[in-house]
């Protein structure tokens, strides 16, 4: 990826609502040139979407938990994500290396909702779980520095 494209991606990662005019000023290109570059970055799958950042406490979901999952039967099909797709309280699902197979993140109203969600997950995915409750979030989703081309 060219340095200019890399910088555009970094700027949009920090502020997805940045205008093409502001992007152009930041990288030294015209608005139309930046628009074309962003469109190409989207077409190449470098930029996959734009999202609003939500304050989950303010929308009634103050409880965040990370739940690590492992199948009871290691020979069973690896279909835990598909078995859990129907649960809207699951915010993210990551396949991980280590003792567990997956880690999911849930957003909930209260501890009793977490208890019910864990039961729902175990029943749907036929798996063991280990739960970590998030006490506070000093920062989350911050943009990362993109590596220079080697």
C-alpha atoms as a PDB file:
ATOM      1  CA  UNK A   1       0.000   0.000   0.000  1.00  0.00           C
ATOM      2  CA  UNK A   2       1.320   3.461  -0.882  1.00  0.00           C
ATOM      3  CA  UNK A   3       2.195   5.905   1.885  1.00  0.00           C
ATOM      4  CA  UNK A   4      -0.670   8.240   0.906  1.00  0.00           C
ATOM      5  CA  UNK A   5      -3.215   5.396   1.022  1.00  0.00           C
ATOM      6  CA  UNK A   6      -1.799   4.233   4.345  1.00  0.00           C
ATOM      7  CA  UNK A   7      -2.195   7.747   5.760  1.00  0.00           C
ATOM      8  CA  UNK A   8      -5.784   7.980   4.456  1.00  0.00           C
ATOM      9  CA  UNK A   9      -6.607   4.658   6.165  1.00  0.00           C
ATOM     10  CA  UNK A  10      -5.024   5.853   9.439  1.00  0.00           C
ATOM     11  CA  UNK A  11      -6.979   9.120   9.338  1.00  0.00           C
ATOM     12  CA  UNK A  12     -10.281   7.353   8.620  1.00  0.00           C
ATOM     13  CA  UNK A  13      -9.593   4.799  11.363  1.00  0.00           C
ATOM     14  CA  UNK A  14      -9.258   7.693  13.799  1.00  0.00           C
ATOM     15  CA  UNK A  15     -12.292   9.567  12.416  1.00  0.00           C
ATOM     16  CA  UNK A  16     -14.546   7.679  10.006  1.00  0.00           C
ATOM     17  CA  UNK A  17     -16.602  10.818   9.418  1.00  0.00           C
ATOM     18  CA  UNK A  18     -13.661  12.896   8.190  1.00  0.00           C
ATOM     19  CA  UNK A  19     -14.648  14.707   4.989  1.00  0.00           C
ATOM     20  CA  UNK A  20     -12.851  14.162   1.705  1.00  0.00           C
ATOM     21  CA  UNK A  21     -11.841  17.845   1.801  1.00  0.00           C
ATOM     22  CA  UNK A  22     -10.237  17.431   5.245  1.00  0.00           C
ATOM     23  CA  UNK A  23      -8.560  14.187   4.152  1.00  0.00           C
ATOM     24  CA  UNK A  24      -7.210  15.964   1.074  1.00  0.00           C
ATOM     25  CA  UNK A  25      -5.743  18.790   3.165  1.00  0.00           C
ATOM     26  CA  UNK A  26      -4.135  16.258   5.512  1.00  0.00           C
ATOM     27  CA  UNK A  27      -2.472  14.240   2.734  1.00  0.00           C
ATOM     28  CA  UNK A  28      -1.882  16.985   0.179  1.00  0.00           C
ATOM     29  CA  UNK A  29      -4.358  15.862  -2.475  1.00  0.00           C
ATOM     30  CA  UNK A  30      -7.491  17.324  -4.056  1.00  0.00           C
ATOM     31  CA  UNK A  31     -10.882  16.331  -2.750  1.00  0.00           C
ATOM     32  CA  UNK A  32     -11.653  14.347  -5.906  1.00  0.00           C
ATOM     33  CA  UNK A  33      -8.288  12.534  -5.787  1.00  0.00           C
ATOM     34  CA  UNK A  34      -8.929  11.523  -2.176  1.00  0.00           C
ATOM     35  CA  UNK A  35     -12.460  10.401  -3.056  1.00  0.00           C
ATOM     36  CA  UNK A  36     -11.068   8.154  -5.804  1.00  0.00           C
ATOM     37  CA  UNK A  37      -8.442   6.694  -3.480  1.00  0.00           C
ATOM     38  CA  UNK A  38     -10.994   5.968  -0.747  1.00  0.00           C
ATOM     39  CA  UNK A  39     -13.277   4.323  -3.307  1.00  0.00           C
ATOM     40  CA  UNK A  40     -10.388   2.096  -4.488  1.00  0.00           C
ATOM     41  CA  UNK A  41      -9.491   1.234  -0.874  1.00  0.00           C
ATOM     42  CA  UNK A  42     -13.119   0.175  -0.319  1.00  0.00           C
ATOM     43  CA  UNK A  43     -13.181  -1.861  -3.551  1.00  0.00           C
ATOM     44  CA  UNK A  44      -9.928  -3.642  -2.567  1.00  0.00           C
ATOM     45  CA  UNK A  45     -11.417  -4.524   0.826  1.00  0.00           C
ATOM     46  CA  UNK A  46      -8.918  -2.438   2.804  1.00  0.00           C
ATOM     47  CA  UNK A  47     -11.735  -0.283   4.170  1.00  0.00           C
ATOM     48  CA  UNK A  48     -14.602  -2.607   5.044  1.00  0.00           C
ATOM     49  CA  UNK A  49     -17.091  -0.213   6.606  1.00  0.00           C
ATOM     50  CA  UNK A  50     -17.837   2.785   8.783  1.00  0.00           C
ATOM     51  CA  UNK A  51     -19.461   2.544  12.200  1.00  0.00           C
ATOM     52  CA  UNK A  52     -20.793   4.741  14.950  1.00  0.00           C
ATOM     53  CA  UNK A  53     -19.055   4.263  18.275  1.00  0.00           C
ATOM     54  CA  UNK A  54     -21.679   3.570  20.921  1.00  0.00           C
ATOM     55  CA  UNK A  55     -21.559   4.374  24.619  1.00  0.00           C
ATOM     56  CA  UNK A  56     -23.151   1.113  25.753  1.00  0.00           C
ATOM     57  CA  UNK A  57     -23.893   2.402  29.264  1.00  0.00           C
ATOM     58  CA  UNK A  58     -26.015   5.199  27.817  1.00  0.00           C
ATOM     59  CA  UNK A  59     -28.066   2.768  25.707  1.00  0.00           C
ATOM     60  CA  UNK A  60     -28.794   0.483  28.662  1.00  0.00           C
ATOM     61  CA  UNK A  61     -26.064  -2.150  28.200  1.00  0.00           C
ATOM     62  CA  UNK A  62     -23.525  -1.318  30.928  1.00  0.00           C
ATOM     63  CA  UNK A  63     -22.286  -4.893  31.477  1.00  0.00           C
ATOM     64  CA  UNK A  64     -19.575  -6.204  29.162  1.00  0.00           C
ATOM     65  CA  UNK A  65     -18.129  -9.693  29.505  1.00  0.00           C
ATOM     66  CA  UNK A  66     -15.638 -11.813  27.606  1.00  0.00           C
ATOM     67  CA  UNK A  67     -16.511 -15.490  27.437  1.00  0.00           C
ATOM     68  CA  UNK A  68     -13.947 -18.089  26.386  1.00  0.00           C
ATOM     69  CA  UNK A  69     -15.429 -21.213  24.801  1.00  0.00           C
ATOM     70  CA  UNK A  70     -14.190 -24.766  24.273  1.00  0.00           C
ATOM     71  CA  UNK A  71     -16.212 -27.676  22.899  1.00  0.00           C
ATOM     72  CA  UNK A  72     -16.881 -30.550  25.274  1.00  0.00           C
ATOM     73  CA  UNK A  73     -15.923 -32.927  22.471  1.00  0.00           C
ATOM     74  CA  UNK A  74     -12.784 -31.831  20.574  1.00  0.00           C
ATOM     75  CA  UNK A  75     -13.773 -34.185  17.730  1.00  0.00           C
ATOM     76  CA  UNK A  76     -17.090 -32.361  17.243  1.00  0.00           C
ATOM     77  CA  UNK A  77     -17.489 -30.065  14.211  1.00  0.00           C
ATOM     78  CA  UNK A  78     -15.956 -26.611  14.675  1.00  0.00           C
ATOM     79  CA  UNK A  79     -19.264 -24.766  14.369  1.00  0.00           C
ATOM     80  CA  UNK A  80     -19.515 -22.750  17.579  1.00  0.00           C
ATOM     81  CA  UNK A  81     -19.846 -19.382  15.760  1.00  0.00           C
ATOM     82  CA  UNK A  82     -22.696 -20.681  13.616  1.00  0.00           C
ATOM     83  CA  UNK A  83     -24.471 -22.113  16.665  1.00  0.00           C
ATOM     84  CA  UNK A  84     -24.324 -18.717  18.399  1.00  0.00           C
ATOM     85  CA  UNK A  85     -25.237 -16.379  15.524  1.00  0.00           C
ATOM     86  CA  UNK A  86     -28.825 -16.110  16.738  1.00  0.00           C
ATOM     87  CA  UNK A  87     -27.827 -14.506  20.070  1.00  0.00           C
ATOM     88  CA  UNK A  88     -27.975 -10.708  19.565  1.00  0.00           C
ATOM     89  CA  UNK A  89     -26.177  -9.954  22.825  1.00  0.00           C
ATOM     90  CA  UNK A  90     -22.938 -11.323  21.326  1.00  0.00           C
ATOM     91  CA  UNK A  91     -21.033  -8.337  20.032  1.00  0.00           C
ATOM     92  CA  UNK A  92     -17.873 -10.057  18.702  1.00  0.00           C
ATOM     93  CA  UNK A  93     -16.500 -13.555  18.192  1.00  0.00           C
ATOM     94  CA  UNK A  94     -12.811 -14.357  17.774  1.00  0.00           C
ATOM     95  CA  UNK A  95     -11.169 -17.690  16.946  1.00  0.00           C
ATOM     96  CA  UNK A  96      -8.147 -17.884  19.246  1.00  0.00           C
ATOM     97  CA  UNK A  97      -5.040 -19.950  19.868  1.00  0.00           C
ATOM     98  CA  UNK A  98      -4.531 -21.384  23.328  1.00  0.00           C
ATOM     99  CA  UNK A  99      -6.617 -23.413  25.723  1.00  0.00           C
ATOM    100  CA  UNK A 100      -9.946 -22.132  24.362  1.00  0.00           C
ATOM    101  CA  UNK A 101     -11.205 -22.182  20.780  1.00  0.00           C
ATOM    102  CA  UNK A 102     -13.189 -18.934  20.758  1.00  0.00           C
ATOM    103  CA  UNK A 103     -13.600 -15.777  22.787  1.00  0.00           C
ATOM    104  CA  UNK A 104     -16.832 -13.831  22.478  1.00  0.00           C
ATOM    105  CA  UNK A 105     -17.833 -10.445  23.824  1.00  0.00           C
ATOM    106  CA  UNK A 106     -21.330  -9.796  25.131  1.00  0.00           C
ATOM    107  CA  UNK A 107     -23.129  -6.562  26.075  1.00  0.00           C
ATOM    108  CA  UNK A 108     -25.895  -6.858  28.658  1.00  0.00           C
ATOM    109  CA  UNK A 109     -28.120  -4.963  31.095  1.00  0.00           C
ATOM    110  CA  UNK A 110     -27.441  -6.798  34.360  1.00  0.00           C
ATOM    111  CA  UNK A 111     -25.721  -9.802  35.971  1.00  0.00           C
ATOM    112  CA  UNK A 112     -28.819 -12.004  35.733  1.00  0.00           C
ATOM    113  CA  UNK A 113     -28.798 -11.419  31.949  1.00  0.00           C
ATOM    114  CA  UNK A 114     -25.196 -12.629  31.901  1.00  0.00           C
ATOM    115  CA  UNK A 115     -26.163 -15.760  33.810  1.00  0.00           C
ATOM    116  CA  UNK A 116     -28.946 -16.498  31.313  1.00  0.00           C
ATOM    117  CA  UNK A 117     -26.704 -15.725  28.339  1.00  0.00           C
ATOM    118  CA  UNK A 118     -24.032 -18.138  29.580  1.00  0.00           C
ATOM    119  CA  UNK A 119     -26.670 -20.852  29.940  1.00  0.00           C
ATOM    120  CA  UNK A 120     -27.976 -20.097  26.420  1.00  0.00           C
ATOM    121  CA  UNK A 121     -24.452 -20.241  24.978  1.00  0.00           C
ATOM    122  CA  UNK A 122     -23.589 -23.525  26.676  1.00  0.00           C
ATOM    123  CA  UNK A 123     -26.825 -25.125  25.497  1.00  0.00           C
ATOM    124  CA  UNK A 124     -26.601 -23.853  21.903  1.00  0.00           C
ATOM    125  CA  UNK A 125     -22.900 -24.563  21.377  1.00  0.00           C
ATOM    126  CA  UNK A 126     -22.467 -27.646  23.585  1.00  0.00           C
ATOM    127  CA  UNK A 127     -19.343 -26.153  25.100  1.00  0.00           C
ATOM    128  CA  UNK A 128     -17.559 -25.225  28.300  1.00  0.00           C
ATOM    129  CA  UNK A 129     -17.102 -21.547  29.112  1.00  0.00           C
ATOM    130  CA  UNK A 130     -14.979 -19.271  31.234  1.00  0.00           C
ATOM    131  CA  UNK A 131     -16.234 -15.741  31.821  1.00  0.00           C
ATOM    132  CA  UNK A 132     -14.431 -12.488  32.570  1.00  0.00           C
ATOM    133  CA  UNK A 133     -16.512  -9.439  33.485  1.00  0.00           C
ATOM    134  CA  UNK A 134     -15.159  -6.081  32.333  1.00  0.00           C
ATOM    135  CA  UNK A 135     -15.016  -3.607  35.222  1.00  0.00           C
ATOM    136  CA  UNK A 136     -14.056  -0.540  33.199  1.00  0.00           C
ATOM    137  CA  UNK A 137     -12.782   0.312  29.741  1.00  0.00           C
ATOM    138  CA  UNK A 138      -9.934   2.847  29.821  1.00  0.00           C
ATOM    139  CA  UNK A 139      -9.870   2.718  25.995  1.00  0.00           C
ATOM    140  CA  UNK A 140     -11.235   0.545  23.248  1.00  0.00           C
ATOM    141  CA  UNK A 141     -11.027   0.369  19.470  1.00  0.00           C
ATOM    142  CA  UNK A 142      -8.200   2.841  19.126  1.00  0.00           C
ATOM    143  CA  UNK A 143      -6.607   3.115  15.696  1.00  0.00           C
ATOM    144  CA  UNK A 144      -3.399   1.156  15.233  1.00  0.00           C
ATOM    145  CA  UNK A 145      -0.327   2.373  13.428  1.00  0.00           C
ATOM    146  CA  UNK A 146      -0.116   0.661  10.076  1.00  0.00           C
ATOM    147  CA  UNK A 147       3.242  -0.923   9.214  1.00  0.00           C
ATOM    148  CA  UNK A 148       5.304   0.595   6.424  1.00  0.00           C
ATOM    149  CA  UNK A 149       5.801  -1.590   3.382  1.00  0.00           C
ATOM    150  CA  UNK A 150       8.787  -3.869   3.628  1.00  0.00           C
END
